[in-house]
Amino acid sequence: MNSLLEPGMLVRHPGQPDWGLGQVQSNIGGKITVNFEHAGKVVIEGARVELQLVLDSRKGD
């Protein structure tokens, strides 16, 4: 799923729910840069963490 993530998509980190909603900034070579509401910009190793795609940002807040 991570390979399908594109800039602008909204995600959540399954192991860090307190980070809040994140917006994908880039996805290059398996490294996904996400700007989270409460954690700022974080680079995720896509092979280690499967980010959860958020289709409706109003759910789960």
PDB file of N, CA and C in Angstrom:
ATOM      1  N   MET A   1       0.819  -1.192   0.000  1.00  0.00           N
ATOM      2  CA  MET A   1       0.000   0.000   0.000  1.00  0.00           C
ATOM      3  C   MET A   1       0.866   1.260   0.000  1.00  0.00           C
ATOM      4  N   ASN A   2       1.974   1.247   0.761  1.00  0.00           N
ATOM      5  CA  ASN A   2       2.829   2.428   0.836  1.00  0.00           C
ATOM      6  C   ASN A   2       3.321   2.879  -0.530  1.00  0.00           C
ATOM      7  N   SER A   3       3.545   1.936  -1.430  1.00  0.00           N
ATOM      8  CA  SER A   3       4.061   2.292  -2.756  1.00  0.00           C
ATOM      9  C   SER A   3       3.053   3.127  -3.554  1.00  0.00           C
ATOM     10  N   LEU A   4       1.784   3.083  -3.165  1.00  0.00           N
ATOM     11  CA  LEU A   4       0.739   3.833  -3.867  1.00  0.00           C
ATOM     12  C   LEU A   4       0.552   5.245  -3.329  1.00  0.00           C
ATOM     13  N   LEU A   5       1.196   5.545  -2.197  1.00  0.00           N
ATOM     14  CA  LEU A   5       1.015   6.862  -1.584  1.00  0.00           C
ATOM     15  C   LEU A   5       1.679   7.949  -2.418  1.00  0.00           C
ATOM     16  N   GLU A   6       0.944   9.046  -2.597  1.00  0.00           N
ATOM     17  CA  GLU A   6       1.423  10.174  -3.387  1.00  0.00           C
ATOM     18  C   GLU A   6       1.300  11.449  -2.560  1.00  0.00           C
ATOM     19  N   PRO A   7       2.079  12.477  -2.917  1.00  0.00           N
ATOM     20  CA  PRO A   7       1.977  13.750  -2.203  1.00  0.00           C
ATOM     21  C   PRO A   7       0.541  14.259  -2.168  1.00  0.00           C
ATOM     22  N   GLY A   8       0.160  14.732  -0.985  1.00  0.00           N
ATOM     23  CA  GLY A   8      -1.187  15.253  -0.784  1.00  0.00           C
ATOM     24  C   GLY A   8      -2.131  14.271  -0.121  1.00  0.00           C
ATOM     25  N   MET A   9      -1.822  12.968  -0.186  1.00  0.00           N
ATOM     26  CA  MET A   9      -2.685  11.970   0.441  1.00  0.00           C
ATOM     27  C   MET A   9      -2.579  12.086   1.965  1.00  0.00           C
ATOM     28  N   LEU A  10      -3.671  11.746   2.637  1.00  0.00           N
ATOM     29  CA  LEU A  10      -3.720  11.801   4.088  1.00  0.00           C
ATOM     30  C   LEU A  10      -3.542  10.409   4.669  1.00  0.00           C
ATOM     31  N   VAL A  11      -2.732  10.323   5.745  1.00  0.00           N
ATOM     32  CA  VAL A  11      -2.413   9.043   6.364  1.00  0.00           C
ATOM     33  C   VAL A  11      -2.372   9.173   7.884  1.00  0.00           C
ATOM     34  N   ARG A  12      -2.350   8.019   8.534  1.00  0.00           N
ATOM     35  CA  ARG A  12      -2.088   7.937   9.969  1.00  0.00           C
ATOM     36  C   ARG A  12      -1.001   6.888  10.185  1.00  0.00           C
ATOM     37  N   HIS A  13      -0.207   7.088  11.226  1.00  0.00           N
ATOM     38  CA  HIS A  13       0.825   6.119  11.599  1.00  0.00           C
ATOM     39  C   HIS A  13       0.193   5.168  12.612  1.00  0.00           C
ATOM     40  N   PRO A  14       0.116   3.870  12.311  1.00  0.00           N
ATOM     41  CA  PRO A  14      -0.584   2.929  13.194  1.00  0.00           C
ATOM     42  C   PRO A  14       0.043   2.812  14.583  1.00  0.00           C
ATOM     43  N   GLY A  15       1.324   3.051  14.701  1.00  0.00           N
ATOM     44  CA  GLY A  15       1.994   2.927  15.993  1.00  0.00           C
ATOM     45  C   GLY A  15       2.089   4.232  16.762  1.00  0.00           C
ATOM     46  N   GLN A  16       1.651   5.325  16.153  1.00  0.00           N
ATOM     47  CA  GLN A  16       1.755   6.644  16.777  1.00  0.00           C
ATOM     48  C   GLN A  16       0.455   7.431  16.585  1.00  0.00           C
ATOM     49  N   PRO A  17      -0.650   6.961  17.149  1.00  0.00           N
ATOM     50  CA  PRO A  17      -1.933   7.655  16.932  1.00  0.00           C
ATOM     51  C   PRO A  17      -1.930   9.098  17.440  1.00  0.00           C
ATOM     52  N   ASP A  18      -1.088   9.390  18.432  1.00  0.00           N
ATOM     53  CA  ASP A  18      -1.024  10.747  18.980  1.00  0.00           C
ATOM     54  C   ASP A  18      -0.407  11.750  18.010  1.00  0.00           C
ATOM     55  N   TRP A  19       0.215  11.268  16.935  1.00  0.00           N
ATOM     56  CA  TRP A  19       0.774  12.176  15.931  1.00  0.00           C
ATOM     57  C   TRP A  19      -0.322  12.845  15.122  1.00  0.00           C
ATOM     58  N   GLY A  20      -1.514  12.269  15.121  1.00  0.00           N
ATOM     59  CA  GLY A  20      -2.640  12.838  14.386  1.00  0.00           C
ATOM     60  C   GLY A  20      -2.576  12.536  12.899  1.00  0.00           C
ATOM     61  N   LEU A  21      -3.330  13.299  12.163  1.00  0.00           N
ATOM     62  CA  LEU A  21      -3.426  13.141  10.717  1.00  0.00           C
ATOM     63  C   LEU A  21      -2.144  13.647  10.057  1.00  0.00           C
ATOM     64  N   GLY A  22      -1.686  12.937   9.032  1.00  0.00           N
ATOM     65  CA  GLY A  22      -0.489  13.347   8.318  1.00  0.00           C
ATOM     66  C   GLY A  22      -0.747  13.491   6.833  1.00  0.00           C
ATOM     67  N   GLN A  23      -0.034  14.411   6.206  1.00  0.00           N
ATOM     68  CA  GLN A  23      -0.138  14.596   4.761  1.00  0.00           C
ATOM     69  C   GLN A  23       1.181  14.180   4.134  1.00  0.00           C
ATOM     70  N   VAL A  24       1.103  13.278   3.154  1.00  0.00           N
ATOM     71  CA  VAL A  24       2.297  12.814   2.459  1.00  0.00           C
ATOM     72  C   VAL A  24       2.928  13.975   1.686  1.00  0.00           C
ATOM     73  N   GLN A  25       4.234  14.167   1.887  1.00  0.00           N
ATOM     74  CA  GLN A  25       4.978  15.205   1.181  1.00  0.00           C
ATOM     75  C   GLN A  25       5.729  14.617  -0.016  1.00  0.00           C
ATOM     76  N   SER A  26       6.287  13.410   0.188  1.00  0.00           N
ATOM     77  CA  SER A  26       6.996  12.729  -0.900  1.00  0.00           C
ATOM     78  C   SER A  26       7.077  11.241  -0.601  1.00  0.00           C
ATOM     79  N   ASN A  27       7.329  10.457  -1.645  1.00  0.00           N
ATOM     80  CA  ASN A  27       7.482   9.011  -1.530  1.00  0.00           C
ATOM     81  C   ASN A  27       8.537   8.596  -2.551  1.00  0.00           C
ATOM     82  N   ILE A  28       9.775   8.519  -2.096  1.00  0.00           N
ATOM     83  CA  ILE A  28      10.900   8.257  -2.996  1.00  0.00           C
ATOM     84  C   ILE A  28      11.723   7.092  -2.461  1.00  0.00           C
ATOM     85  N   GLY A  29      11.835   6.054  -3.272  1.00  0.00           N
ATOM     86  CA  GLY A  29      12.667   4.913  -2.909  1.00  0.00           C
ATOM     87  C   GLY A  29      12.278   4.252  -1.605  1.00  0.00           C
ATOM     88  N   GLY A  30      10.984   4.235  -1.297  1.00  0.00           N
ATOM     89  CA  GLY A  30      10.521   3.587  -0.074  1.00  0.00           C
ATOM     90  C   GLY A  30      10.581   4.462   1.162  1.00  0.00           C
ATOM     91  N   LYS A  31      11.107   5.658   1.030  1.00  0.00           N
ATOM     92  CA  LYS A  31      11.126   6.611   2.143  1.00  0.00           C
ATOM     93  C   LYS A  31       9.991   7.610   1.925  1.00  0.00           C
ATOM     94  N   ILE A  32       9.091   7.648   2.896  1.00  0.00           N
ATOM     95  CA  ILE A  32       7.892   8.468   2.783  1.00  0.00           C
ATOM     96  C   ILE A  32       7.991   9.614   3.782  1.00  0.00           C
ATOM     97  N   THR A  33       7.984  10.830   3.279  1.00  0.00           N
ATOM     98  CA  THR A  33       8.011  11.999   4.147  1.00  0.00           C
ATOM     99  C   THR A  33       6.579  12.455   4.371  1.00  0.00           C
ATOM    100  N   VAL A  34       6.223  12.559   5.664  1.00  0.00           N
ATOM    101  CA  VAL A  34       4.857  12.909   6.041  1.00  0.00           C
ATOM    102  C   VAL A  34       4.898  14.070   7.028  1.00  0.00           C
ATOM    103  N   ASN A  35       4.015  15.034   6.856  1.00  0.00           N
ATOM    104  CA  ASN A  35       3.883  16.140   7.787  1.00  0.00           C
ATOM    105  C   ASN A  35       2.668  15.857   8.673  1.00  0.00           C
ATOM    106  N   PHE A  36       2.946  15.478   9.946  1.00  0.00           N
ATOM    107  CA  PHE A  36       1.882  15.136  10.885  1.00  0.00           C
ATOM    108  C   PHE A  36       1.455  16.354  11.698  1.00  0.00           C
ATOM    109  N   GLU A  37       0.161  16.372  12.077  1.00  0.00           N
ATOM    110  CA  GLU A  37      -0.411  17.480  12.845  1.00  0.00           C
ATOM    111  C   GLU A  37       0.363  17.768  14.127  1.00  0.00           C
ATOM    112  N   HIS A  38       0.724  16.722  14.868  1.00  0.00           N
ATOM    113  CA  HIS A  38       1.299  16.905  16.200  1.00  0.00           C
ATOM    114  C   HIS A  38       2.743  16.437  16.309  1.00  0.00           C
ATOM    115  N   ALA A  39       3.344  16.019  15.200  1.00  0.00           N
ATOM    116  CA  ALA A  39       4.734  15.549  15.241  1.00  0.00           C
ATOM    117  C   ALA A  39       5.612  16.254  14.215  1.00  0.00           C
ATOM    118  N   GLY A  40       4.991  17.027  13.325  1.00  0.00           N
ATOM    119  CA  GLY A  40       5.763  17.712  12.297  1.00  0.00           C
ATOM    120  C   GLY A  40       6.192  16.761  11.196  1.00  0.00           C
ATOM    121  N   LYS A  41       7.279  17.119  10.529  1.00  0.00           N
ATOM    122  CA  LYS A  41       7.751  16.349   9.375  1.00  0.00           C
ATOM    123  C   LYS A  41       8.541  15.123   9.847  1.00  0.00           C
ATOM    124  N   VAL A  42       8.113  13.953   9.372  1.00  0.00           N
ATOM    125  CA  VAL A  42       8.734  12.686   9.749  1.00  0.00           C
ATOM    126  C   VAL A  42       8.995  11.882   8.485  1.00  0.00           C
ATOM    127  N   VAL A  43      10.192  11.275   8.414  1.00  0.00           N
ATOM    128  CA  VAL A  43      10.512  10.374   7.302  1.00  0.00           C
ATOM    129  C   VAL A  43      10.270   8.944   7.772  1.00  0.00           C
ATOM    130  N   ILE A  44       9.404   8.239   7.062  1.00  0.00           N
ATOM    131  CA  ILE A  44       9.002   6.874   7.400  1.00  0.00           C
ATOM    132  C   ILE A  44       9.683   5.904   6.439  1.00  0.00           C
ATOM    133  N   GLU A  45      10.244   4.827   6.978  1.00  0.00           N
ATOM    134  CA  GLU A  45      10.795   3.751   6.156  1.00  0.00           C
ATOM    135  C   GLU A  45       9.623   2.839   5.794  1.00  0.00           C
ATOM    136  N   GLY A  46       9.176   2.915   4.552  1.00  0.00           N
ATOM    137  CA  GLY A  46       7.995   2.207   4.103  1.00  0.00           C
ATOM    138  C   GLY A  46       8.051   0.700   4.257  1.00  0.00           C
ATOM    139  N   ALA A  47       9.236   0.129   4.276  1.00  0.00           N
ATOM    140  CA  ALA A  47       9.372  -1.320   4.438  1.00  0.00           C
ATOM    141  C   ALA A  47       9.117  -1.743   5.891  1.00  0.00           C
ATOM    142  N   ARG A  48       9.182  -0.809   6.823  1.00  0.00           N
ATOM    143  CA  ARG A  48       9.026  -1.126   8.245  1.00  0.00           C
ATOM    144  C   ARG A  48       7.654  -0.760   8.802  1.00  0.00           C
ATOM    145  N   VAL A  49       7.029   0.269   8.223  1.00  0.00           N
ATOM    146  CA  VAL A  49       5.746   0.750   8.742  1.00  0.00           C
ATOM    147  C   VAL A  49       4.749   0.877   7.596  1.00  0.00           C
ATOM    148  N   GLU A  50       3.596   0.258   7.762  1.00  0.00           N
ATOM    149  CA  GLU A  50       2.520   0.357   6.769  1.00  0.00           C
ATOM    150  C   GLU A  50       1.576   1.468   7.210  1.00  0.00           C
ATOM    151  N   LEU A  51       1.685   2.622   6.572  1.00  0.00           N
ATOM    152  CA  LEU A  51       0.834   3.751   6.918  1.00  0.00           C
ATOM    153  C   LEU A  51      -0.612   3.461   6.530  1.00  0.00           C
ATOM    154  N   GLN A  52      -1.528   4.048   7.280  1.00  0.00           N
ATOM    155  CA  GLN A  52      -2.958   3.831   7.028  1.00  0.00           C
ATOM    156  C   GLN A  52      -3.504   5.013   6.231  1.00  0.00           C
ATOM    157  N   LEU A  53      -4.019   4.728   5.055  1.00  0.00           N
ATOM    158  CA  LEU A  53      -4.616   5.763   4.205  1.00  0.00           C
ATOM    159  C   LEU A  53      -5.909   6.245   4.829  1.00  0.00           C
ATOM    160  N   VAL A  54      -6.105   7.562   4.851  1.00  0.00           N
ATOM    161  CA  VAL A  54      -7.331   8.159   5.380  1.00  0.00           C
ATOM    162  C   VAL A  54      -8.116   8.723   4.200  1.00  0.00           C
ATOM    163  N   LEU A  55      -9.286   8.148   3.949  1.00  0.00           N
ATOM    164  CA  LEU A  55     -10.107   8.587   2.828  1.00  0.00           C
ATOM    165  C   LEU A  55     -11.025   9.738   3.218  1.00  0.00           C
ATOM    166  N   ASP A  56     -11.420   9.778   4.491  1.00  0.00           N
ATOM    167  CA  ASP A  56     -12.295  10.854   4.986  1.00  0.00           C
ATOM    168  C   ASP A  56     -11.672  11.381   6.267  1.00  0.00           C
ATOM    169  N   SER A  57     -11.057  12.574   6.199  1.00  0.00           N
ATOM    170  CA  SER A  57     -10.299  13.103   7.331  1.00  0.00           C
ATOM    171  C   SER A  57     -11.173  13.431   8.539  1.00  0.00           C
ATOM    172  N   ARG A  58     -12.488  13.445   8.378  1.00  0.00           N
ATOM    173  CA  ARG A  58     -13.372  13.740   9.506  1.00  0.00           C
ATOM    174  C   ARG A  58     -13.563  12.527  10.419  1.00  0.00           C
ATOM    175  N   LYS A  59     -13.269  11.328   9.920  1.00  0.00           N
ATOM    176  CA  LYS A  59     -13.452  10.111  10.709  1.00  0.00           C
ATOM    177  C   LYS A  59     -12.240   9.892  11.610  1.00  0.00           C
ATOM    178  N   GLY A  60     -12.502   9.478  12.846  1.00  0.00           N
ATOM    179  CA  GLY A  60     -11.438   9.109  13.749  1.00  0.00           C
ATOM    180  C   GLY A  60     -10.749  10.259  14.436  1.00  0.00           C
ATOM    181  N   ASP A  61     -11.278  11.466  14.310  1.00  0.00           N
ATOM    182  CA  ASP A  61     -10.665  12.611  14.997  1.00  0.00           C
ATOM    183  C   ASP A  61     -11.251  12.781  16.383  1.00  0.00           C
TER     184      ASP A  61
END
